[in-house]
Protein backbone atom coordinates (compact mmCIF):
# COMPACT_ATOMS: atom_id res chain seq x y z
CA MET A 1 -7.33 -37.22 0.93
CA PHE A 2 -6.39 -35.91 -2.52
CA ASN A 3 -4.64 -38.73 -4.38
CA SER A 4 -7.57 -41.10 -3.87
CA PHE A 5 -9.75 -38.86 -6.04
CA PHE A 6 -7.55 -36.80 -8.33
CA LEU A 7 -4.99 -39.50 -9.21
CA SER A 8 -7.38 -42.42 -9.52
CA ARG A 9 -8.32 -43.92 -12.88
CA ARG A 10 -11.72 -44.89 -11.49
CA TRP A 11 -12.63 -41.28 -10.65
CA LEU A 12 -10.92 -39.63 -13.63
CA LEU A 13 -14.17 -38.59 -15.35
CA TRP A 14 -15.43 -36.98 -12.13
CA SER A 15 -12.36 -35.36 -10.57
CA TRP A 16 -10.75 -33.03 -13.10
CA PRO A 17 -13.66 -32.47 -15.56
CA GLY A 18 -15.97 -31.91 -12.59
CA ALA A 19 -13.61 -29.35 -11.10
CA ALA A 20 -13.41 -27.58 -14.47
CA LEU A 21 -17.22 -27.49 -14.74
CA ILE A 22 -17.53 -26.03 -11.24
CA LEU A 23 -14.92 -23.41 -12.13
CA LEU A 24 -16.79 -22.52 -15.33
CA GLY A 25 -20.12 -22.28 -13.51
CA THR A 26 -18.62 -20.04 -10.84
CA TRP A 27 -17.11 -17.78 -13.51
CA TYR A 28 -20.51 -17.48 -15.21
CA GLN A 29 -22.17 -16.56 -11.91
CA VAL A 30 -19.64 -13.80 -11.39
CA GLN A 31 -20.24 -12.46 -14.90
CA ILE A 32 -23.96 -12.20 -14.10
CA ASP A 33 -23.04 -10.37 -10.89
CA VAL A 34 -20.98 -7.91 -12.96
CA ALA A 35 -23.99 -7.32 -15.23
CA ILE A 36 -26.16 -6.72 -12.14
CA ASN A 37 -23.61 -4.19 -10.88
CA ASP A 38 -23.89 -2.30 -14.18
CA TRP A 39 -27.67 -2.46 -13.88
CA PHE A 40 -27.54 -0.81 -10.44
CA GLY A 41 -25.69 2.17 -11.93
CA GLY A 42 -28.25 2.76 -14.66
CA PHE A 43 -31.26 2.07 -12.45
CA TYR A 44 -30.30 4.50 -9.69
CA ASP A 45 -29.46 7.19 -12.22
CA VAL A 46 -32.97 6.78 -13.63
CA VAL A 47 -34.42 6.96 -10.11
CA GLN A 48 -32.42 10.13 -9.39
CA LYS A 49 -33.57 11.67 -12.68
CA ALA A 50 -37.21 10.74 -12.04
CA LEU A 51 -37.17 12.25 -8.56
CA ALA A 52 -35.32 15.42 -9.57
CA GLN A 53 -37.21 16.02 -12.83
CA PRO A 54 -40.77 14.61 -12.62
CA GLY A 55 -42.12 13.44 -15.94
CA ASN A 56 -38.72 12.88 -17.60
CA VAL A 57 -38.83 9.12 -16.97
CA THR A 58 -41.73 7.06 -18.28
CA LEU A 59 -43.30 4.16 -16.43
CA ASP A 60 -42.25 1.84 -19.28
CA GLU A 61 -38.61 2.85 -18.79
CA PHE A 62 -38.85 2.24 -15.06
CA PHE A 63 -40.46 -1.19 -15.40
CA GLY A 64 -38.07 -2.00 -18.24
CA PHE A 65 -35.18 -1.73 -15.78
CA LEU A 66 -37.01 -3.97 -13.32
CA MET A 67 -37.65 -6.57 -16.03
CA THR A 68 -33.96 -6.56 -16.96
CA PHE A 69 -33.05 -7.23 -13.35
CA ALA A 70 -35.63 -10.04 -13.14
CA LYS A 71 -34.02 -11.75 -16.15
CA LEU A 72 -30.52 -11.41 -14.69
CA ALA A 73 -31.62 -12.57 -11.24
CA GLY A 74 -33.57 -15.50 -12.69
CA THR A 75 -30.55 -16.67 -14.67
CA TYR A 76 -28.34 -16.30 -11.60
CA VAL A 77 -30.70 -18.39 -9.46
CA LEU A 78 -30.92 -21.14 -12.10
CA VAL A 79 -27.14 -21.35 -12.49
CA ALA A 80 -26.59 -21.22 -8.71
CA VAL A 81 -29.05 -24.05 -8.04
CA LEU A 82 -27.66 -26.33 -10.78
CA LEU A 83 -24.07 -25.58 -9.76
CA ALA A 84 -24.79 -26.30 -6.09
CA PHE A 85 -26.50 -29.59 -7.05
CA PHE A 86 -23.57 -30.71 -9.18
CA THR A 87 -21.00 -29.59 -6.58
CA LYS A 88 -22.68 -31.71 -3.89
CA HIS A 89 -22.50 -34.78 -6.13
CA TRP A 90 -18.90 -34.02 -7.06
CA VAL A 91 -17.81 -33.65 -3.45
CA PHE A 92 -19.61 -36.84 -2.41
CA ARG A 93 -17.66 -38.73 -5.09
CA TRP A 94 -14.53 -37.36 -3.45
CA ARG A 95 -15.71 -38.72 -0.11
CA ASP A 96 -16.52 -42.02 -1.83
CA ALA A 97 -12.94 -42.26 -3.12
CA MET A 98 -11.50 -41.53 0.33
CA ASN A 99 -13.78 -44.08 1.95
CA ASP A 100 -12.76 -46.79 -0.54
CA TYR A 101 -9.09 -46.08 0.05
CA TYR A 102 -9.34 -46.19 3.85
CA MET A 103 -11.48 -49.32 3.84
CA ALA A 104 -8.98 -51.02 1.52
CA HIS A 105 -6.47 -50.58 4.35
CA TRP A 106 -8.88 -51.18 7.23
CA SER A 107 -6.86 -54.10 8.61
CA THR A 108 -4.02 -51.64 9.22
CA LEU A 109 -6.19 -48.81 10.52
CA ARG A 110 -8.75 -50.60 12.68
CA HIS A 111 -6.49 -50.64 15.75
CA ILE A 112 -6.05 -46.85 15.76
CA GLU A 113 -8.06 -45.01 18.39
CA GLY A 114 -11.17 -43.53 16.79
CA ALA A 115 -10.57 -45.28 13.45
CA SER A 116 -14.27 -45.71 12.73
CA GLN A 117 -14.90 -42.03 13.51
CA ARG A 118 -12.19 -40.91 11.13
CA VAL A 119 -13.43 -43.05 8.25
CA GLN A 120 -17.08 -42.15 8.73
CA GLU A 121 -17.21 -38.77 10.47
CA ASP A 122 -13.97 -37.09 9.37
CA THR A 123 -14.38 -37.96 5.69
CA LYS A 124 -17.95 -36.60 5.87
CA ARG A 125 -16.78 -33.39 7.54
CA PHE A 126 -13.83 -33.07 5.16
CA SER A 127 -16.08 -33.31 2.11
CA ALA A 128 -18.64 -30.89 3.57
CA ILE A 129 -15.96 -28.34 4.44
CA MET A 130 -14.30 -28.65 1.04
CA GLU A 131 -17.68 -28.11 -0.60
CA SER A 132 -18.38 -24.86 1.23
CA LEU A 133 -14.84 -23.57 1.60
CA GLY A 134 -13.73 -24.55 -1.90
CA SER A 135 -16.81 -22.99 -3.51
CA ASN A 136 -16.36 -19.78 -1.52
CA MET A 137 -12.67 -19.58 -2.38
CA MET A 138 -13.31 -19.99 -6.11
CA ASP A 139 -16.12 -17.47 -5.96
CA SER A 140 -13.86 -15.01 -4.12
CA LEU A 141 -11.06 -15.36 -6.66
CA MET A 142 -13.39 -15.06 -9.64
CA THR A 143 -15.14 -12.08 -8.08
CA LEU A 144 -11.81 -10.40 -7.40
CA PHE A 145 -10.64 -10.88 -10.99
CA ALA A 146 -13.95 -9.52 -12.33
CA PHE A 147 -14.56 -6.58 -9.98
CA LEU A 148 -11.04 -5.32 -9.31
CA PRO A 149 -10.71 -3.76 -12.80
CA ILE A 150 -14.22 -2.29 -12.41
CA LEU A 151 -13.35 -0.69 -9.07
CA TRP A 152 -10.04 0.48 -10.55
CA ASN A 153 -11.87 2.35 -13.31
CA LEU A 154 -14.61 3.68 -11.04
CA SER A 155 -11.96 4.98 -8.64
CA LYS A 156 -11.00 7.54 -11.29
CA LYS A 157 -14.18 9.41 -10.37
CA VAL A 158 -13.06 9.66 -6.72
CA SER A 159 -10.63 12.54 -6.35
CA GLU A 160 -9.97 12.36 -2.62
CA VAL A 161 -10.44 10.02 0.34
CA PRO A 162 -10.04 10.75 4.07
CA VAL A 163 -6.58 10.10 5.60
CA LEU A 164 -4.96 9.13 2.28
CA GLY A 165 -5.91 12.38 0.56
CA GLN A 166 -5.62 12.58 -3.22
CA VAL A 167 -4.44 9.19 -4.47
CA ASP A 168 -5.11 7.68 -7.88
CA HIS A 169 -7.40 4.63 -7.64
CA ALA A 170 -7.56 5.16 -3.90
CA LEU A 171 -10.59 2.90 -3.35
CA VAL A 172 -8.64 -0.15 -4.47
CA TYR A 173 -5.94 0.57 -1.92
CA VAL A 174 -8.51 1.20 0.81
CA ALA A 175 -10.12 -2.19 0.13
CA ILE A 176 -6.77 -3.99 0.14
CA LEU A 177 -5.49 -2.28 3.31
CA PHE A 178 -8.71 -2.82 5.24
CA ALA A 179 -8.93 -6.51 4.25
CA LEU A 180 -5.25 -7.07 5.05
CA PHE A 181 -5.68 -5.43 8.44
CA GLY A 182 -8.64 -7.66 9.29
CA THR A 183 -6.89 -10.82 8.10
CA VAL A 184 -3.79 -10.19 10.22
CA VAL A 185 -5.75 -9.20 13.33
CA LEU A 186 -8.10 -12.18 13.22
CA ALA A 187 -5.30 -14.61 12.45
CA LEU A 188 -3.51 -13.42 15.59
CA VAL A 189 -6.67 -13.41 17.71
CA GLY A 190 -7.63 -16.93 16.59
CA ILE A 191 -4.17 -18.47 16.69
CA LYS A 192 -5.12 -20.98 19.43
CA LEU A 193 -8.28 -22.27 17.76
CA PRO A 194 -6.78 -24.95 15.42
CA GLY A 195 -5.02 -26.70 18.30
CA LEU A 196 -8.15 -26.62 20.46
CA GLU A 197 -10.29 -28.01 17.65
CA PHE A 198 -7.80 -30.83 17.09
CA ASN A 199 -7.71 -31.67 20.79
CA ASN A 200 -11.49 -31.45 20.92
CA GLN A 201 -11.87 -34.23 18.38
CA ARG A 202 -9.28 -36.31 20.22
CA VAL A 203 -11.12 -36.26 23.54
CA GLU A 204 -14.43 -36.83 21.74
CA ALA A 205 -12.95 -39.89 20.03
CA ALA A 206 -11.70 -41.32 23.33
CA TYR A 207 -15.12 -40.86 24.93
CA ARG A 208 -16.91 -42.38 21.96
CA LYS A 209 -14.55 -45.36 21.82
CA GLU A 210 -15.27 -46.26 25.43
CA LEU A 211 -19.02 -46.12 24.82
CA VAL A 212 -18.71 -48.28 21.68
CA HIS A 213 -16.76 -50.92 23.61
CA ALA A 214 -19.39 -50.81 26.34
CA GLU A 215 -22.04 -51.94 23.87
CA ASP A 216 -20.39 -55.39 23.77
CA ASP A 217 -18.61 -55.45 27.13
CA GLY A 218 -20.60 -54.71 30.28
CA ALA A 219 -17.42 -54.09 32.25
CA ARG A 220 -16.54 -51.05 30.11
CA ALA A 221 -17.85 -47.49 30.52
CA SER A 222 -18.04 -47.65 34.31
CA GLU A 223 -19.23 -44.49 36.03
CA PRO A 224 -15.76 -43.26 37.16
CA VAL A 225 -14.27 -43.86 33.70
CA VAL A 226 -17.14 -42.16 31.87
CA LYS A 227 -17.05 -39.18 34.23
CA ASP A 228 -13.31 -38.79 33.74
CA LEU A 229 -13.52 -39.02 29.95
CA PHE A 230 -16.44 -36.60 29.77
CA SER A 231 -14.69 -34.16 32.08
CA HIS A 232 -11.97 -33.85 29.44
CA VAL A 233 -14.65 -33.23 26.79
CA ARG A 234 -16.28 -30.57 28.98
CA ALA A 235 -13.02 -28.83 29.84
CA ASN A 236 -11.92 -28.63 26.21
CA TYR A 237 -15.29 -27.34 25.03
CA PHE A 238 -15.31 -24.64 27.69
CA ARG A 239 -11.82 -23.52 26.60
CA LEU A 240 -13.01 -23.54 23.00
CA PHE A 241 -16.10 -21.47 23.85
CA PHE A 242 -13.98 -18.89 25.66
CA HIS A 243 -11.50 -18.47 22.81
CA TYR A 244 -14.29 -18.30 20.22
CA MET A 245 -15.98 -15.60 22.30
CA TYR A 246 -13.22 -13.02 21.97
CA PHE A 247 -12.54 -14.18 18.39
CA ASP A 248 -16.19 -13.50 17.50
CA ILE A 249 -16.03 -10.08 19.17
CA ALA A 250 -13.10 -9.14 16.94
CA LYS A 251 -14.62 -10.72 13.81
CA PHE A 252 -18.10 -9.20 14.02
CA SER A 253 -16.80 -5.80 15.10
CA TYR A 254 -14.52 -5.74 12.09
CA LEU A 255 -17.24 -6.85 9.64
CA GLN A 256 -19.82 -4.39 10.97
CA PHE A 257 -17.42 -1.47 10.74
CA GLY A 258 -16.55 -2.61 7.21
CA VAL A 259 -20.06 -1.65 6.06
CA LEU A 260 -19.18 2.02 6.63
CA VAL A 261 -15.74 1.96 5.01
CA PRO A 262 -16.80 2.65 1.37
CA TYR A 263 -19.13 5.47 2.49
CA ILE A 264 -16.36 7.01 4.59
CA ALA A 265 -13.99 6.77 1.62
CA LEU A 266 -16.59 8.37 -0.67
CA GLY A 267 -17.44 11.13 1.82
CA PRO A 268 -15.56 14.03 0.18
CA THR A 269 -16.68 12.97 -3.31
CA VAL A 270 -20.36 12.68 -2.34
CA VAL A 271 -20.35 16.01 -0.48
CA SER A 272 -18.79 17.76 -3.47
CA GLY A 273 -21.48 16.31 -5.77
CA ALA A 274 -18.88 14.88 -8.14
CA ILE A 275 -20.78 11.64 -8.82
CA THR A 276 -24.38 10.61 -9.41
CA LEU A 277 -26.41 8.27 -7.20
CA GLY A 278 -26.05 5.50 -9.78
CA VAL A 279 -22.27 5.80 -9.90
CA MET A 280 -22.15 5.81 -6.10
CA GLN A 281 -24.17 2.57 -6.01
CA GLN A 282 -21.86 1.00 -8.57
CA ILE A 283 -18.79 2.02 -6.58
CA VAL A 284 -20.20 0.83 -3.24
CA ARG A 285 -21.25 -2.50 -4.70
CA ALA A 286 -17.96 -3.04 -6.56
CA PHE A 287 -16.02 -2.02 -3.44
CA GLY A 288 -18.02 -4.51 -1.39
CA ARG A 289 -17.30 -7.33 -3.84
CA VAL A 290 -13.57 -6.59 -3.93
CA GLU A 291 -13.41 -6.18 -0.17
CA MET A 292 -15.27 -9.46 0.45
CA SER A 293 -12.91 -11.27 -1.92
CA PHE A 294 -9.89 -10.00 -0.03
CA GLN A 295 -11.66 -10.92 3.22
CA PHE A 296 -12.05 -14.57 2.29
CA LEU A 297 -9.73 -15.68 5.11
CA VAL A 298 -11.46 -13.41 7.61
CA ARG A 299 -14.94 -14.67 6.82
CA SER A 300 -13.88 -18.32 6.57
CA TRP A 301 -11.48 -18.49 9.50
CA SER A 302 -13.74 -20.65 11.69
CA THR A 303 -14.25 -23.10 8.82
CA ILE A 304 -10.53 -23.10 8.05
CA VAL A 305 -9.80 -23.92 11.70
CA GLU A 306 -12.13 -26.91 11.48
CA LEU A 307 -10.55 -28.01 8.19
CA ILE A 308 -7.06 -27.83 9.69
CA SER A 309 -8.22 -30.04 12.55
CA VAL A 310 -9.78 -32.63 10.23
CA TYR A 311 -6.77 -32.52 7.90
CA LYS A 312 -4.31 -33.15 10.74
CA ARG A 313 -6.31 -36.15 11.94
CA LEU A 314 -6.60 -37.70 8.49
CA ARG A 315 -2.92 -37.07 7.76
CA ALA A 316 -2.00 -38.91 10.96
CA PHE A 317 -4.38 -41.65 9.88
CA GLU A 318 -2.76 -41.97 6.46
CA ALA A 319 0.70 -41.97 8.03
CA GLN A 320 -0.17 -45.35 9.55
CA ILE A 321 -0.89 -46.71 6.08
CA GLY A 322 2.46 -45.43 4.84
CA SER A 323 4.28 -46.96 7.82
CA ALA A 324 2.57 -50.31 7.31
CA LYS A 325 3.44 -50.34 3.61
CA SER A 326 7.08 -49.48 4.15
CA GLY A 327 7.34 -52.03 6.96
CA ASN A 328 5.68 -54.82 5.03
CA GLY A 329 7.23 -53.96 1.71
CA VAL A 330 3.90 -53.35 0.04
CA ALA A 331 4.30 -51.81 -3.37
CA ASN A 332 2.39 -48.64 -4.17
CA ASN A 333 3.04 -48.22 -7.85
CA ASP A 334 -0.59 -48.44 -8.99
CA VAL A 335 -2.41 -45.55 -7.43
CA GLY A 336 -5.60 -46.18 -9.32
CA SER A 337 -5.92 -49.84 -8.33
CA HIS A 338 -6.58 -48.92 -4.67
CA ASN A 339 -8.10 -45.46 -5.26
CA ALA A 340 -5.01 -44.16 -3.46
């Protein structure tokens, strides 16, 4: 899954330079987001001033702020579109490398149940998941590195938070504790999901294999056999639906309550009038960015479960290649020659 792309001479110009370009593009996006966060502070202070003291803010000043945001947002959209376009191409090259490697060993793999599904479907799903999950993970890390110092400095303006009382930089600790709590709870609630996803693909593969054989052999896929195979598919899906139901209850309840957390933490500060509307918007937005970064596992848990399932199947697939090589004495000293 990894060596075929990152250790191959054929894909050298795509793998590491491409990853570096994606990293650079993500960093630039985050820097624009930081600039937008600063803009929110100034804009809402102007709005507060205009509403409290009519005539003190000119229309040119107001529209000047809006024009600044339009420039920032336009740049963000342009970078996001180009980065997404390049990332899709980069990830497809990764799938291409995996496909070449598996097909180079097809004579060894073709006898494995669901071999065609793993080469075609699992590599496609693996690349799609890595595209979304990898991009989100890099964005979360970059956002955390950019906004954590901002929230740390803004927290100096917050003298007290409920429960914790007077704690220096309390908002940072609130974000960390709340994200950690959600991660642990959802990991425990969804502990059965990876195994069910793995088993789900196994019963799907068995059902599909019987139908594929039936295309060339009229004696295959008889009614009793098909009913039995599909009953396993149905039973596993129903178990999966049930476990996802209570997982989703926990996940969405946690995320919805999370919207109120920064406002609860800012309650005493807002009531005392210690900050302006602009500063409050900056704090809430920075808190949200830091919190979302720490919540990467929470928000991506369903995707991670699917990735674990695909990874386990492809690892078992590749184990057959390793067994065949060790049994036949096939040398594997040129990784690049087979896109290994």
